[in-house]
Every structure is written in C-alpha cells, then in structure tokens.
Amino acid sequence: MERDCVIAGGGPAGMVLGLLLARRGLRVTVLEKHADFFRDFRGDTIHPSTLTVLGELGLRDAFLRLPVHRVERLDVVVNGRRLSPVDFRLLAAPDDFLVLAPQWDLLNFIAQASRELPGYELRMSTSATGLIVEDGVVVGVTASGPDGETELRAPLTVAADGRHSTLRPAAGFEPIEWGVPIDVLWFDLPAPEGPVPETLFCLGASGFALTIPRGDHWQGGYVIPKGGFETLRAQGLAEFHRRFAATAPFAASLIGAVDDWDKVKLLSVQIDHLAQWHRPGFVAIGDAAHAMSPVGGVGVNYAIQDAVALANAIAAPLGRGEDLTGPLTAFQVRRERPVRSMQRIQRFIHDRMGRAAKRQRSPVPGVALGLVRALLPLLRRRFTRLVGLGLLPEHVQD
C-alpha cells in the first residue's frame, strides 16, 4: 500500500503529525497498536503552547468544550511555605491557562478531526513490527493488525511509538541514557470535600508529593529513590501513608484510600536522547527520539512541538517528491536545542531530589528558600514561560 507518510504510534506526537500532514493534502496512515486510547497514567497536562497550536488549527474552542479542568497558576509548597512560581495569567490571552484533561480525550478529539480529511487513515489494533529497507533507504513498514500481516510503503516512515519504540532499534538507533536517581509512585485519590488550594507538588524533609486535580478525583504521586519501591513496600502501607501525609498535610485525609499496593503504579523515570534522529526515509520524534521526565509535565507538549516542527519542515518537499535529507537535518537541529536544554534542567532537579530522598532532607535548604522567595517576583514571568510555552514554541505553517 503506497502512502506519502506512515506514522507508527498514536500518541500525541503521532496523532498531531498525522493531522498536520493530512491538512496539507498528503496521504497519511497512523498505526496504533491498541484498540482504543483509554490508558491511564499518561501525561494529562495540556500547556498553553499546545492550546496555541489547537487555535492555529481552528480546534481550540471545540477542544475546550470538552470536560477539561483549567488551571491559571501552579502553586508549590516548600518546607511548609506556599509559593506561586508559575502564573499563566502573565501569558498573552487567550492561551493564558493550562488545561488538565485525560490524554484519551485529546487523542480521540484529534482522531475525530483528522478523519474528516481526505487521505487520512488511522488503523487501530495495528502494530508496526519492522522496517522495509532497500539499498540503505527505509521505504516503509511491516505491520500486524486484525487482517493479518501487511506492508505499507511510503517515502517517509515516522517512529512516534514512544520510549520503548519498536522502530527505533530497527532503524539502527540506540538511545543515550542519562541516569535518573528517582522513580515516582502514581495513585488515585478521592477529591477533597470543600475548596482546597490547588497545589502541584509539596516537598520537604518528608519527601516529594504531587497532587494533581483530575475532575472527580486527584492523581497523587510520591517520589522515591531509584529502585526503592520494594524497600518502601517492605516498610508497609502505614509508613507510606505517614510519609505522604507529612509531605502534603492538606491531603492527609485522602491517602487512606490507597489501601492496597495494587492501587500504586510505579513509573520508572527515564531521560534519554538519540544522537541522530533520522536516516534516509526515517525519522523519530517525541519520546522515541528523547524521553522526558515528568518534571514540569512537559513531555506531551514537547512531543506535539516536534510534530509541528516536522510537519513545517517536510510537508512541502514531501508533497513534491523531493529528497528529505536537508529538511530532516534542519528539523533535528531546531528541536534538539530546546529538548536537550529542558532535559538538563530536569536532570538538575532530579539530582537534588535524589540526594534529598536518600538523606530524608529537604532539597531546598532554608537559606535557599528565602532567596527564592525574595527573587520570585522577578523570576515568575520566566518560570511561567518556561513551563507554559517551552524553550522554542512552534507554530503551524500552511
């Protein structure tokens, strides 16, 4: 089957890229190995930069009519002191807030908008299993789906199939991993009764806890040293409850709902990157090219920025049947800088958190906290842009 582009992976990067290329009149097939998008514990933060992209596509208002939760600022509690380092109201309207929405709602929304475009195809329950290579050039993929094995040939194959990519090693690419000293435990908490200040995270000598509102419930998180889950399990749920409650006192009455370790999911935090993102006929984007950590909740949004930048770079030459080496090189150069810079920031935060978790100390000493509080009025706008827009926000080109 001949297409202009085959995209492996129906996550945010793959789905947005498919939409963008189909809008430009290209024949696109997106392969998603699952039967639906309903999977939990995925990035649910839709940052202002992504709202801007949806606006440029004419989809912003329709997306915001979904049952989403708007957040105007992100508060944190450090050593018992509440800070507001990020205030999205400082950004230009109308994209001056963050949205919390289940990722399946975003993906279903993008799928519905894409299906209206001629040339677009989404194959669910279909896995990309390998690459078709001729004379050193990737010319398509092999796939397995409800109708059995098939081949899809295209001038460009895109690996958007995540940090455990199947196509990345098939292309001969091996990620360079940066050691991360922490893992995160994820669990659901009941929504509190009555108004409670929205708090992204709390940190102190007792640990690092996350409390993310998700409509009718909260998503809770707790940072532990890398490989420390079994040690914590051996100490018992009561100790886990004690640590979480000491770190986030306003949520102490909620943690009892986690009454079985089966309700706790371990996220092994990982940061890596490819030295080379592309080869003739092939490119990797999103987590397949650079796995981000949960710090800042930027992974989904950086993946979408990759999709926008790639579509801007390749849509015209791909439609004309031109060689893509130059556009793919330019794409990697453009996106690699903000990605690597954000990963360095994440690694710095991880190192502080990891050392503090091992010593059961706050990663922010009292003197440092006092300095941060004093400088926060001067830094708030920069923090807001870093989290809300990223280091190089992309815009849709027609």
Protein backbone atom coordinates (compact mmCIF):
# COMPACT_ATOMS: atom_id res chain seq x y z
CA MET A 1 0.00 0.00 0.00
CA GLU A 2 1.54 3.30 -1.09
CA ARG A 3 1.27 6.32 1.19
CA ASP A 4 3.16 9.60 1.49
CA CYS A 5 3.92 9.00 5.17
CA VAL A 6 3.42 6.17 7.64
CA ILE A 7 3.45 7.05 11.35
CA ALA A 8 3.96 4.36 13.97
CA GLY A 9 2.31 5.33 17.25
CA GLY A 10 -1.00 7.01 18.04
CA GLY A 11 0.22 9.14 20.94
CA PRO A 12 0.18 12.95 20.95
CA ALA A 13 3.16 13.28 18.57
CA GLY A 14 1.89 10.76 16.01
CA MET A 15 -1.73 11.91 16.07
CA VAL A 16 -0.91 15.60 15.71
CA LEU A 17 1.62 14.92 12.94
CA GLY A 18 -0.95 12.85 11.05
CA LEU A 19 -3.48 15.66 11.29
CA LEU A 20 -0.99 18.31 10.16
CA LEU A 21 0.24 16.35 7.13
CA ALA A 22 -3.27 15.36 6.05
CA ARG A 23 -4.27 19.05 6.21
CA ARG A 24 -1.53 19.67 3.66
CA GLY A 25 -3.11 17.15 1.27
CA LEU A 26 -0.75 14.24 1.96
CA ARG A 27 -1.76 10.59 2.21
CA VAL A 28 -1.03 9.57 5.80
CA THR A 29 -1.53 6.35 7.75
CA VAL A 30 -1.20 6.29 11.55
CA LEU A 31 -0.72 2.89 13.20
CA GLU A 32 -1.82 2.46 16.84
CA LYS A 33 -1.25 -0.92 18.45
CA HIS A 34 -4.07 -0.60 21.00
CA ALA A 35 -7.77 -0.92 20.22
CA ASP A 36 -8.56 2.42 21.87
CA PHE A 37 -6.88 5.32 23.66
CA PHE A 38 -8.19 4.53 27.14
CA ARG A 39 -4.99 4.03 29.11
CA ASP A 40 -4.28 5.58 32.49
CA PHE A 41 -1.24 7.26 34.00
CA ARG A 42 -0.30 9.22 30.92
CA GLY A 43 0.55 12.89 30.61
CA ASP A 44 -2.62 14.89 31.10
CA THR A 45 -1.30 18.46 31.09
CA ILE A 46 -2.18 20.48 28.00
CA HIS A 47 0.07 23.52 28.19
CA PRO A 48 -0.64 26.96 26.73
CA SER A 49 1.74 26.20 23.83
CA THR A 50 -0.49 23.27 22.81
CA LEU A 51 -3.63 25.38 23.15
CA THR A 52 -2.00 27.83 20.73
CA VAL A 53 -1.40 25.01 18.23
CA LEU A 54 -5.04 23.92 18.55
CA GLY A 55 -6.08 27.52 17.97
CA GLU A 56 -3.97 27.75 14.81
CA LEU A 57 -5.74 24.60 13.59
CA GLY A 58 -9.16 26.09 14.33
CA LEU A 59 -9.82 23.44 17.00
CA ARG A 60 -9.21 25.30 20.25
CA ASP A 61 -12.80 26.27 21.10
CA ALA A 62 -14.17 22.82 20.32
CA PHE A 63 -11.48 21.18 22.49
CA LEU A 64 -12.23 23.48 25.42
CA ARG A 65 -15.88 22.45 25.27
CA LEU A 66 -14.78 19.02 26.48
CA PRO A 67 -14.92 18.46 30.27
CA VAL A 68 -11.45 19.89 30.92
CA HIS A 69 -10.06 21.49 34.07
CA ARG A 70 -8.46 24.93 33.70
CA VAL A 71 -5.50 25.92 35.87
CA GLU A 72 -4.39 29.55 35.98
CA ARG A 73 -1.40 29.13 38.28
CA LEU A 74 0.73 26.37 39.76
CA ASP A 75 1.33 26.56 43.49
CA VAL A 76 4.01 24.57 45.27
CA VAL A 77 4.61 24.06 48.98
CA VAL A 78 8.27 24.01 50.01
CA ASN A 79 9.17 23.30 53.63
CA GLY A 80 5.64 24.30 54.61
CA ARG A 81 5.73 27.61 52.71
CA ARG A 82 3.34 28.11 49.78
CA LEU A 83 4.84 29.66 46.64
CA SER A 84 3.35 30.59 43.27
CA PRO A 85 6.26 30.34 40.82
CA VAL A 86 4.06 29.91 37.73
CA ASP A 87 1.14 32.19 36.87
CA PHE A 88 -0.20 31.54 33.37
CA ARG A 89 -2.21 34.76 33.51
CA LEU A 90 1.07 36.52 32.71
CA LEU A 91 0.97 34.99 29.22
CA ALA A 92 -0.81 36.55 26.27
CA ALA A 93 -4.54 35.84 26.04
CA PRO A 94 -6.37 33.72 25.09
CA ASP A 95 -3.85 30.97 25.93
CA ASP A 96 -3.21 32.14 29.46
CA PHE A 97 -4.04 28.96 31.36
CA LEU A 98 -3.14 25.28 31.48
CA VAL A 99 -5.65 22.51 30.89
CA LEU A 100 -5.84 19.18 32.68
CA ALA A 101 -7.62 16.59 30.56
CA PRO A 102 -7.34 12.81 30.24
CA GLN A 103 -4.99 12.11 27.37
CA TRP A 104 -7.56 9.81 25.78
CA ASP A 105 -9.89 12.81 25.36
CA LEU A 106 -7.17 14.73 23.50
CA LEU A 107 -6.32 11.76 21.26
CA ASN A 108 -9.95 10.94 20.47
CA PHE A 109 -10.52 14.62 19.68
CA ILE A 110 -7.55 14.76 17.28
CA ALA A 111 -8.63 11.47 15.67
CA GLN A 112 -12.13 12.80 15.02
CA ALA A 113 -10.80 15.99 13.44
CA SER A 114 -8.35 14.00 11.29
CA ARG A 115 -10.93 11.54 9.95
CA GLU A 116 -12.67 14.40 8.18
CA LEU A 117 -9.61 14.93 5.96
CA PRO A 118 -9.16 13.07 2.65
CA GLY A 119 -6.06 10.96 2.56
CA TYR A 120 -6.02 10.32 6.31
CA GLU A 121 -6.18 6.82 7.74
CA LEU A 122 -5.98 5.64 11.37
CA ARG A 123 -5.52 1.91 11.90
CA MET A 124 -6.24 0.81 15.46
CA SER A 125 -5.10 -2.56 16.86
CA THR A 126 -2.27 -2.42 14.35
CA SER A 127 1.39 -2.62 15.37
CA ALA A 128 4.38 -1.59 13.32
CA THR A 129 6.63 -4.64 13.52
CA GLY A 130 9.63 -3.67 11.41
CA LEU A 131 11.07 -1.54 8.62
CA ILE A 132 11.32 -2.23 4.93
CA VAL A 133 14.81 -1.20 3.82
CA GLU A 134 16.06 -1.16 0.22
CA ASP A 135 19.62 -0.09 -0.66
CA GLY A 136 20.00 1.51 2.77
CA VAL A 137 16.81 3.56 2.47
CA VAL A 138 13.73 2.98 4.61
CA VAL A 139 10.80 2.62 2.21
CA GLY A 140 8.03 1.58 4.60
CA VAL A 141 6.97 -0.65 7.47
CA THR A 142 5.68 -4.11 8.11
CA ALA A 143 2.62 -4.18 10.34
CA SER A 144 0.38 -6.65 12.09
CA GLY A 145 -3.31 -5.99 12.61
CA PRO A 146 -6.80 -7.51 12.59
CA ASP A 147 -6.39 -8.50 8.93
CA GLY A 148 -3.00 -10.12 9.49
CA GLU A 149 0.42 -9.07 8.24
CA THR A 150 0.77 -6.24 5.76
CA GLU A 151 3.28 -3.83 4.25
CA LEU A 152 2.84 -0.09 3.94
CA ARG A 153 5.30 1.71 1.70
CA ALA A 154 6.00 5.42 1.88
CA PRO A 155 8.81 7.92 1.21
CA LEU A 156 8.87 8.68 4.96
CA THR A 157 8.32 6.49 7.99
CA VAL A 158 7.99 8.20 11.38
CA ALA A 159 8.67 6.46 14.68
CA ALA A 160 6.32 8.10 17.18
CA ASP A 161 5.98 4.90 19.17
CA GLY A 162 7.37 6.09 22.49
CA ARG A 163 10.32 5.40 24.72
CA HIS A 164 10.00 1.65 24.12
CA SER A 165 9.96 2.14 20.36
CA THR A 166 9.94 -0.90 18.08
CA LEU A 167 11.09 1.00 15.00
CA ARG A 168 13.97 2.88 16.66
CA PRO A 169 16.21 -0.20 17.06
CA ALA A 170 15.03 -1.49 13.68
CA ALA A 171 16.49 1.69 12.20
CA GLY A 172 19.78 1.01 13.97
CA PHE A 173 19.35 3.74 16.60
CA GLU A 174 20.24 3.27 20.26
CA PRO A 175 19.30 5.97 22.79
CA ILE A 176 21.90 7.52 25.07
CA GLU A 177 20.56 7.27 28.61
CA TRP A 178 21.15 9.78 31.40
CA GLY A 179 20.95 8.14 34.79
CA VAL A 180 17.99 9.33 36.84
CA PRO A 181 18.15 8.81 40.62
CA ILE A 182 14.38 8.77 41.23
CA ASP A 183 11.19 6.89 40.48
CA VAL A 184 7.60 8.04 41.00
CA LEU A 185 4.66 6.21 42.54
CA TRP A 186 1.28 7.13 40.98
CA PHE A 187 -2.11 6.52 42.57
CA ASP A 188 -5.64 7.89 42.58
CA LEU A 189 -7.02 9.91 45.49
CA PRO A 190 -10.62 10.95 46.11
CA ALA A 191 -11.35 14.60 45.52
CA PRO A 192 -11.37 16.52 48.82
CA GLU A 193 -14.60 17.88 50.24
CA GLY A 194 -14.75 21.63 50.10
CA PRO A 195 -12.34 24.08 48.44
CA VAL A 196 -8.65 23.28 48.75
CA PRO A 197 -5.79 25.32 47.26
CA GLU A 198 -4.66 23.70 44.03
CA THR A 199 -1.12 22.51 44.66
CA LEU A 200 1.07 20.94 42.03
CA PHE A 201 3.55 19.46 44.49
CA CYS A 202 4.89 19.63 48.03
CA LEU A 203 8.44 18.97 49.08
CA GLY A 204 10.27 18.91 52.34
CA ALA A 205 12.25 16.65 54.63
CA SER A 206 9.49 14.01 54.50
CA GLY A 207 9.61 13.66 50.72
CA PHE A 208 8.20 14.98 47.47
CA ALA A 209 4.47 14.57 46.79
CA LEU A 210 2.32 15.51 43.80
CA THR A 211 -1.39 16.33 43.95
CA ILE A 212 -2.93 16.89 40.52
CA PRO A 213 -6.67 17.64 40.19
CA ARG A 214 -8.41 15.50 37.57
CA GLY A 215 -12.05 16.46 37.84
CA ASP A 216 -13.81 13.98 40.12
CA HIS A 217 -10.56 12.77 41.71
CA TRP A 218 -6.93 13.67 42.25
CA GLN A 219 -3.87 11.99 40.81
CA GLY A 220 -1.35 11.55 43.59
CA GLY A 221 2.35 10.99 43.21
CA TYR A 222 5.25 10.32 45.54
CA VAL A 223 8.94 10.46 44.60
CA ILE A 224 11.23 7.69 45.84
CA PRO A 225 14.91 6.88 45.27
CA LYS A 226 15.53 4.86 42.10
CA GLY A 227 14.87 1.19 42.82
CA GLY A 228 13.43 1.95 46.26
CA PHE A 229 9.90 0.66 45.74
CA GLU A 230 10.46 -2.78 47.25
CA THR A 231 12.10 -1.24 50.33
CA LEU A 232 9.09 1.00 50.85
CA ARG A 233 6.69 -1.91 50.33
CA ALA A 234 8.54 -3.88 52.99
CA GLN A 235 8.02 -1.00 55.43
CA GLY A 236 4.26 -1.22 54.87
CA LEU A 237 1.39 0.95 53.69
CA ALA A 238 1.20 2.72 57.06
CA GLU A 239 4.72 4.10 56.58
CA PHE A 240 3.88 5.16 53.04
CA HIS A 241 0.74 6.92 54.31
CA ARG A 242 2.76 8.64 57.04
CA ARG A 243 5.36 9.98 54.63
CA PHE A 244 2.81 11.25 52.13
CA ALA A 245 0.68 12.89 54.83
CA ALA A 246 3.73 14.57 56.38
CA THR A 247 4.73 15.95 52.99
CA ALA A 248 1.23 17.08 51.88
CA PRO A 249 -0.77 17.71 55.10
CA PHE A 250 -3.76 19.14 53.22
CA ALA A 251 -4.18 15.72 51.55
CA ALA A 252 -3.54 13.63 54.67
CA SER A 253 -7.20 12.63 54.96
CA LEU A 254 -7.18 11.27 51.39
CA ILE A 255 -4.21 8.91 51.36
CA GLY A 256 -6.10 6.23 53.31
CA ALA A 257 -8.00 5.46 50.09
CA VAL A 258 -4.80 3.81 48.86
CA ASP A 259 -5.43 0.70 50.95
CA ASP A 260 -3.60 -1.82 48.77
CA TRP A 261 -0.27 -1.77 46.97
CA ASP A 262 -2.13 -2.89 43.84
CA LYS A 263 -3.51 0.67 43.68
CA VAL A 264 0.02 2.06 43.35
CA LYS A 265 1.73 2.19 39.96
CA LEU A 266 5.50 2.51 39.65
CA LEU A 267 6.79 4.91 36.99
CA SER A 268 10.45 4.30 36.32
CA VAL A 269 11.69 7.78 35.43
CA GLN A 270 13.88 7.86 32.37
CA ILE A 271 15.68 10.53 30.36
CA ASP A 272 17.40 9.66 27.11
CA HIS A 273 18.06 11.01 23.64
CA LEU A 274 19.18 9.88 20.23
CA ALA A 275 22.39 11.30 18.82
CA GLN A 276 20.82 11.01 15.36
CA TRP A 277 17.06 11.27 14.88
CA HIS A 278 16.85 10.39 11.19
CA ARG A 279 18.23 8.36 8.31
CA PRO A 280 17.07 8.21 4.67
CA GLY A 281 13.32 7.58 4.70
CA PHE A 282 13.02 7.54 8.50
CA VAL A 283 12.75 9.92 11.47
CA ALA A 284 11.97 9.55 15.18
CA ILE A 285 10.03 12.13 17.18
CA GLY A 286 8.68 12.58 20.71
CA ASP A 287 9.70 10.00 23.29
CA ALA A 288 11.13 7.78 20.55
CA ALA A 289 13.76 10.49 19.99
CA HIS A 290 14.04 11.90 23.51
CA ALA A 291 12.33 10.53 26.61
CA MET A 292 11.47 13.32 29.05
CA SER A 293 10.87 13.01 32.78
CA PRO A 294 7.60 14.03 34.50
CA VAL A 295 9.25 17.20 35.87
CA GLY A 296 7.22 20.15 34.62
CA GLY A 297 4.74 17.87 32.85
CA VAL A 298 6.29 18.94 29.54
CA GLY A 299 6.61 15.57 27.76
CA VAL A 300 3.31 15.67 25.87
CA ASN A 301 3.81 19.26 24.84
CA TYR A 302 7.38 18.79 23.62
CA ALA A 303 6.19 15.80 21.60
CA ILE A 304 3.49 17.94 19.98
CA GLN A 305 6.05 20.68 19.30
CA ASP A 306 8.15 18.03 17.49
CA ALA A 307 5.14 17.14 15.35
CA VAL A 308 4.50 20.77 14.41
CA ALA A 309 8.15 21.43 13.57
CA LEU A 310 8.43 18.24 11.49
CA ALA A 311 5.27 19.00 9.52
CA ASN A 312 6.52 22.53 8.84
CA ALA A 313 9.86 21.16 7.60
CA ILE A 314 8.73 18.27 5.39
CA ALA A 315 5.17 18.81 4.16
CA ALA A 316 6.06 20.81 1.05
CA PRO A 317 9.13 18.80 -0.10
CA LEU A 318 7.37 15.52 0.69
CA GLY A 319 4.41 16.56 -1.43
CA ARG A 320 6.76 17.43 -4.29
CA GLY A 321 8.64 14.14 -4.00
CA GLU A 322 11.95 15.81 -3.13
CA ASP A 323 14.82 14.41 -1.09
CA LEU A 324 14.17 14.92 2.63
CA THR A 325 17.71 14.77 3.99
CA GLY A 326 18.06 18.53 4.31
CA PRO A 327 14.62 19.14 5.89
CA LEU A 328 15.09 16.27 8.36
CA THR A 329 18.51 17.58 9.38
CA ALA A 330 17.09 21.06 9.87
CA PHE A 331 14.24 19.61 11.93
CA GLN A 332 16.61 17.82 14.31
CA VAL A 333 18.83 20.88 14.70
CA ARG A 334 15.81 23.02 15.54
CA ARG A 335 14.19 20.68 18.04
CA GLU A 336 17.33 19.25 19.65
CA ARG A 337 18.30 22.52 21.29
CA PRO A 338 15.15 23.08 23.38
CA VAL A 339 14.82 19.37 24.18
CA ARG A 340 18.37 18.98 25.45
CA SER A 341 18.16 22.22 27.43
CA MET A 342 14.95 21.11 29.15
CA GLN A 343 16.46 17.70 29.88
CA ARG A 344 19.43 19.39 31.56
CA ILE A 345 17.03 21.33 33.77
CA GLN A 346 15.19 18.12 34.61
CA ARG A 347 18.44 16.31 35.44
CA PHE A 348 19.48 19.11 37.82
CA ILE A 349 16.15 18.87 39.64
CA HIS A 350 16.38 15.07 39.73
CA ASP A 351 19.85 15.16 41.26
CA ARG A 352 18.65 17.50 44.02
CA MET A 353 15.57 15.38 44.66
CA GLY A 354 17.50 12.11 44.60
CA ARG A 355 20.10 13.21 47.15
CA ALA A 356 17.40 14.66 49.39
CA ALA A 357 15.27 11.49 49.19
CA LYS A 358 18.19 9.31 50.28
CA ARG A 359 19.05 11.58 53.22
CA GLN A 360 15.40 12.36 54.06
CA ARG A 361 16.16 16.06 53.89
CA SER A 362 14.53 18.90 52.02
CA PRO A 363 16.15 19.53 48.63
CA VAL A 364 15.73 23.26 49.29
CA PRO A 365 17.55 24.43 52.45
CA GLY A 366 16.07 27.29 54.42
CA VAL A 367 18.58 29.84 53.16
CA ALA A 368 17.93 28.87 49.53
CA LEU A 369 14.17 29.02 50.08
CA GLY A 370 14.49 32.53 51.48
CA LEU A 371 16.45 33.60 48.41
CA VAL A 372 13.89 32.04 46.06
CA ARG A 373 11.03 33.81 47.82
CA ALA A 374 12.84 37.13 47.54
CA LEU A 375 13.59 36.70 43.84
CA LEU A 376 10.27 35.12 42.84
CA PRO A 377 8.57 38.37 41.74
CA LEU A 378 11.44 38.86 39.28
CA LEU A 379 11.55 35.23 38.12
CA ARG A 380 7.85 34.38 37.93
CA ARG A 381 7.41 35.51 34.32
CA ARG A 382 10.43 33.45 33.21
CA PHE A 383 9.25 30.38 35.09
CA THR A 384 5.80 30.79 33.54
CA ARG A 385 7.16 30.99 30.00
CA LEU A 386 9.47 28.02 30.60
CA VAL A 387 6.62 25.79 31.78
CA GLY A 388 3.79 27.18 29.67
CA LEU A 389 5.48 27.80 26.33
CA GLY A 390 8.71 25.81 26.45
CA LEU A 391 12.06 26.98 25.16
CA LEU A 392 11.10 27.17 21.49
CA PRO A 393 7.35 27.17 20.88
CA GLU A 394 6.34 26.06 17.39
CA HIS A 395 3.57 27.46 15.21
CA VAL A 396 1.56 25.81 12.45
CA GLN A 397 2.53 26.84 8.94
CA ASP A 398 0.21 26.40 5.95
